[in-house]
């Protein structure tokens, strides 16, 4: 086993009902999900990753591959998990990013891929 001390950073936000430009029901904020525990097993994944264009995950369209990817499968034992608000984000500065595809970092339109 090896120790695990991990932070996931989420953005929690809700655009205004009715979709008014620049308006929020819940202004954007950063959420820290902190987990402590142990990695109990690591398995290297062997194979070839072929990335294909997709409007829901446009990594091929928006990022240039720089090499072959590698991946590991980790089995963890989480001993504690805390979720806290780390701080606010500037609502005006965040607005251009409010339309990302839900749960991703990709540009979108109202939580879905942009129409082409």
C-alpha atoms as a PDB file:
ATOM      1  CA  UNK A   1       0.000   0.000   0.000  1.00  0.00           C
ATOM      2  CA  UNK A   2       1.028   3.568  -0.541  1.00  0.00           C
ATOM      3  CA  UNK A   3      -0.612   6.666   0.966  1.00  0.00           C
ATOM      4  CA  UNK A   4      -3.249   8.558  -0.980  1.00  0.00           C
ATOM      5  CA  UNK A   5      -3.849  12.256  -0.347  1.00  0.00           C
ATOM      6  CA  UNK A   6      -5.897  13.573  -3.243  1.00  0.00           C
ATOM      7  CA  UNK A   7      -7.817  16.752  -4.066  1.00  0.00           C
ATOM      8  CA  UNK A   8     -10.442  16.990  -6.797  1.00  0.00           C
ATOM      9  CA  UNK A   9     -11.436  20.518  -7.757  1.00  0.00           C
ATOM     10  CA  UNK A  10     -14.987  21.035  -8.943  1.00  0.00           C
ATOM     11  CA  UNK A  11     -16.861  24.129 -10.059  1.00  0.00           C
ATOM     12  CA  UNK A  12     -20.378  24.458  -8.693  1.00  0.00           C
ATOM     13  CA  UNK A  13     -22.616  26.930 -10.524  1.00  0.00           C
ATOM     14  CA  UNK A  14     -26.204  27.351 -11.664  1.00  0.00           C
ATOM     15  CA  UNK A  15     -27.219  29.719 -14.433  1.00  0.00           C
ATOM     16  CA  UNK A  16     -30.343  31.760 -13.840  1.00  0.00           C
ATOM     17  CA  UNK A  17     -33.704  30.168 -14.561  1.00  0.00           C
ATOM     18  CA  UNK A  18     -34.858  31.717 -17.812  1.00  0.00           C
ATOM     19  CA  UNK A  19     -31.307  32.073 -19.116  1.00  0.00           C
ATOM     20  CA  UNK A  20     -30.800  35.813 -18.600  1.00  0.00           C
ATOM     21  CA  UNK A  21     -27.380  36.886 -19.902  1.00  0.00           C
ATOM     22  CA  UNK A  22     -24.799  36.994 -17.098  1.00  0.00           C
ATOM     23  CA  UNK A  23     -27.271  35.971 -14.369  1.00  0.00           C
ATOM     24  CA  UNK A  24     -26.861  33.110 -11.895  1.00  0.00           C
ATOM     25  CA  UNK A  25     -29.093  31.387  -9.360  1.00  0.00           C
ATOM     26  CA  UNK A  26     -25.876  30.101  -7.748  1.00  0.00           C
ATOM     27  CA  UNK A  27     -22.757  32.145  -8.586  1.00  0.00           C
ATOM     28  CA  UNK A  28     -19.671  30.093  -9.525  1.00  0.00           C
ATOM     29  CA  UNK A  29     -17.459  28.751  -6.767  1.00  0.00           C
ATOM     30  CA  UNK A  30     -14.624  26.257  -6.433  1.00  0.00           C
ATOM     31  CA  UNK A  31     -15.309  23.108  -4.415  1.00  0.00           C
ATOM     32  CA  UNK A  32     -12.472  21.036  -2.916  1.00  0.00           C
ATOM     33  CA  UNK A  33     -13.129  17.300  -2.582  1.00  0.00           C
ATOM     34  CA  UNK A  34     -10.320  15.997  -0.369  1.00  0.00           C
ATOM     35  CA  UNK A  35      -9.758  12.259   0.003  1.00  0.00           C
ATOM     36  CA  UNK A  36      -7.281  10.395   2.187  1.00  0.00           C
ATOM     37  CA  UNK A  37      -6.596   6.693   2.132  1.00  0.00           C
ATOM     38  CA  UNK A  38      -4.324   4.215   0.398  1.00  0.00           C
ATOM     39  CA  UNK A  39      -3.624   2.842  -3.057  1.00  0.00           C
ATOM     40  CA  UNK A  40      -3.865  -0.909  -2.536  1.00  0.00           C
ATOM     41  CA  UNK A  41      -3.201  -2.066  -6.101  1.00  0.00           C
ATOM     42  CA  UNK A  42      -1.910  -0.626  -9.380  1.00  0.00           C
ATOM     43  CA  UNK A  43      -2.371  -2.367 -12.723  1.00  0.00           C
ATOM     44  CA  UNK A  44      -0.822  -1.021 -15.925  1.00  0.00           C
ATOM     45  CA  UNK A  45      -3.258  -1.091 -18.835  1.00  0.00           C
ATOM     46  CA  UNK A  46      -1.751  -2.367 -22.058  1.00  0.00           C
ATOM     47  CA  UNK A  47      -3.245  -1.564 -25.440  1.00  0.00           C
ATOM     48  CA  UNK A  48      -3.690   1.108 -28.061  1.00  0.00           C
ATOM     49  CA  UNK A  49      -5.947   4.093 -27.439  1.00  0.00           C
ATOM     50  CA  UNK A  50      -7.613   5.363 -30.599  1.00  0.00           C
ATOM     51  CA  UNK A  51      -9.213   8.754 -30.123  1.00  0.00           C
ATOM     52  CA  UNK A  52     -12.128   9.634 -32.385  1.00  0.00           C
ATOM     53  CA  UNK A  53     -13.907  12.933 -32.935  1.00  0.00           C
ATOM     54  CA  UNK A  54     -17.080  13.371 -30.871  1.00  0.00           C
ATOM     55  CA  UNK A  55     -19.209  16.457 -30.195  1.00  0.00           C
ATOM     56  CA  UNK A  56     -19.572  15.322 -26.540  1.00  0.00           C
ATOM     57  CA  UNK A  57     -15.823  14.923 -25.990  1.00  0.00           C
ATOM     58  CA  UNK A  58     -13.997  16.907 -28.703  1.00  0.00           C
ATOM     59  CA  UNK A  59     -10.443  16.220 -27.507  1.00  0.00           C
ATOM     60  CA  UNK A  60      -9.277  15.271 -31.021  1.00  0.00           C
ATOM     61  CA  UNK A  61     -10.724  18.512 -32.425  1.00  0.00           C
ATOM     62  CA  UNK A  62      -9.429  20.816 -29.675  1.00  0.00           C
ATOM     63  CA  UNK A  63      -6.166  19.223 -28.476  1.00  0.00           C
ATOM     64  CA  UNK A  64      -3.167  18.080 -30.454  1.00  0.00           C
ATOM     65  CA  UNK A  65      -1.846  14.684 -29.306  1.00  0.00           C
ATOM     66  CA  UNK A  66       1.842  14.897 -28.355  1.00  0.00           C
ATOM     67  CA  UNK A  67       2.544  11.206 -27.826  1.00  0.00           C
ATOM     68  CA  UNK A  68       1.131   7.828 -26.966  1.00  0.00           C
ATOM     69  CA  UNK A  69      -1.115   7.824 -23.886  1.00  0.00           C
ATOM     70  CA  UNK A  70      -0.573   5.460 -20.989  1.00  0.00           C
ATOM     71  CA  UNK A  71      -2.998   4.434 -18.289  1.00  0.00           C
ATOM     72  CA  UNK A  72      -3.125   2.650 -14.946  1.00  0.00           C
ATOM     73  CA  UNK A  73      -6.028   1.183 -13.034  1.00  0.00           C
ATOM     74  CA  UNK A  74      -5.790   2.081  -9.342  1.00  0.00           C
ATOM     75  CA  UNK A  75      -7.662   0.311  -6.582  1.00  0.00           C
ATOM     76  CA  UNK A  76      -7.988   2.610  -3.583  1.00  0.00           C
ATOM     77  CA  UNK A  77      -9.245   2.398  -0.023  1.00  0.00           C
ATOM     78  CA  UNK A  78     -10.670   5.774   0.978  1.00  0.00           C
ATOM     79  CA  UNK A  79     -10.550   6.448   4.729  1.00  0.00           C
ATOM     80  CA  UNK A  80     -11.934   9.975   4.695  1.00  0.00           C
ATOM     81  CA  UNK A  81     -13.599  12.341   2.256  1.00  0.00           C
ATOM     82  CA  UNK A  82     -14.461  15.967   2.903  1.00  0.00           C
ATOM     83  CA  UNK A  83     -16.174  18.436   0.591  1.00  0.00           C
ATOM     84  CA  UNK A  84     -15.797  22.157   1.182  1.00  0.00           C
ATOM     85  CA  UNK A  85     -16.167  25.447  -0.658  1.00  0.00           C
ATOM     86  CA  UNK A  86     -12.644  26.644  -1.455  1.00  0.00           C
ATOM     87  CA  UNK A  87     -13.785  30.084  -2.597  1.00  0.00           C
ATOM     88  CA  UNK A  88     -15.776  32.109  -5.107  1.00  0.00           C
ATOM     89  CA  UNK A  89     -14.988  32.669  -8.777  1.00  0.00           C
ATOM     90  CA  UNK A  90     -15.507  36.020 -10.486  1.00  0.00           C
ATOM     91  CA  UNK A  91     -19.050  35.741 -11.950  1.00  0.00           C
ATOM     92  CA  UNK A  92     -18.321  38.085 -14.866  1.00  0.00           C
ATOM     93  CA  UNK A  93     -15.005  36.423 -15.671  1.00  0.00           C
ATOM     94  CA  UNK A  94     -16.607  32.977 -15.505  1.00  0.00           C
ATOM     95  CA  UNK A  95     -19.583  33.802 -17.747  1.00  0.00           C
ATOM     96  CA  UNK A  96     -17.842  32.929 -21.071  1.00  0.00           C
ATOM     97  CA  UNK A  97     -17.216  29.439 -19.620  1.00  0.00           C
ATOM     98  CA  UNK A  98     -20.739  28.893 -18.243  1.00  0.00           C
ATOM     99  CA  UNK A  99     -21.772  26.997 -21.383  1.00  0.00           C
ATOM    100  CA  UNK A 100     -19.323  24.120 -21.221  1.00  0.00           C
ATOM    101  CA  UNK A 101     -20.594  20.630 -21.951  1.00  0.00           C
ATOM    102  CA  UNK A 102     -21.996  19.408 -18.627  1.00  0.00           C
ATOM    103  CA  UNK A 103     -19.297  18.090 -16.327  1.00  0.00           C
ATOM    104  CA  UNK A 104     -16.447  18.702 -18.777  1.00  0.00           C
ATOM    105  CA  UNK A 105     -14.037  21.426 -19.818  1.00  0.00           C
ATOM    106  CA  UNK A 106     -15.226  21.632 -23.432  1.00  0.00           C
ATOM    107  CA  UNK A 107     -17.008  24.612 -24.994  1.00  0.00           C
ATOM    108  CA  UNK A 108     -20.697  24.012 -25.424  1.00  0.00           C
ATOM    109  CA  UNK A 109     -24.114  25.571 -25.579  1.00  0.00           C
ATOM    110  CA  UNK A 110     -26.404  25.270 -22.539  1.00  0.00           C
ATOM    111  CA  UNK A 111     -24.592  22.165 -21.288  1.00  0.00           C
ATOM    112  CA  UNK A 112     -24.558  20.327 -24.631  1.00  0.00           C
ATOM    113  CA  UNK A 113     -22.199  20.352 -27.618  1.00  0.00           C
ATOM    114  CA  UNK A 114     -22.271  23.429 -29.837  1.00  0.00           C
ATOM    115  CA  UNK A 115     -24.315  23.045 -32.993  1.00  0.00           C
ATOM    116  CA  UNK A 116     -22.082  22.846 -36.046  1.00  0.00           C
END
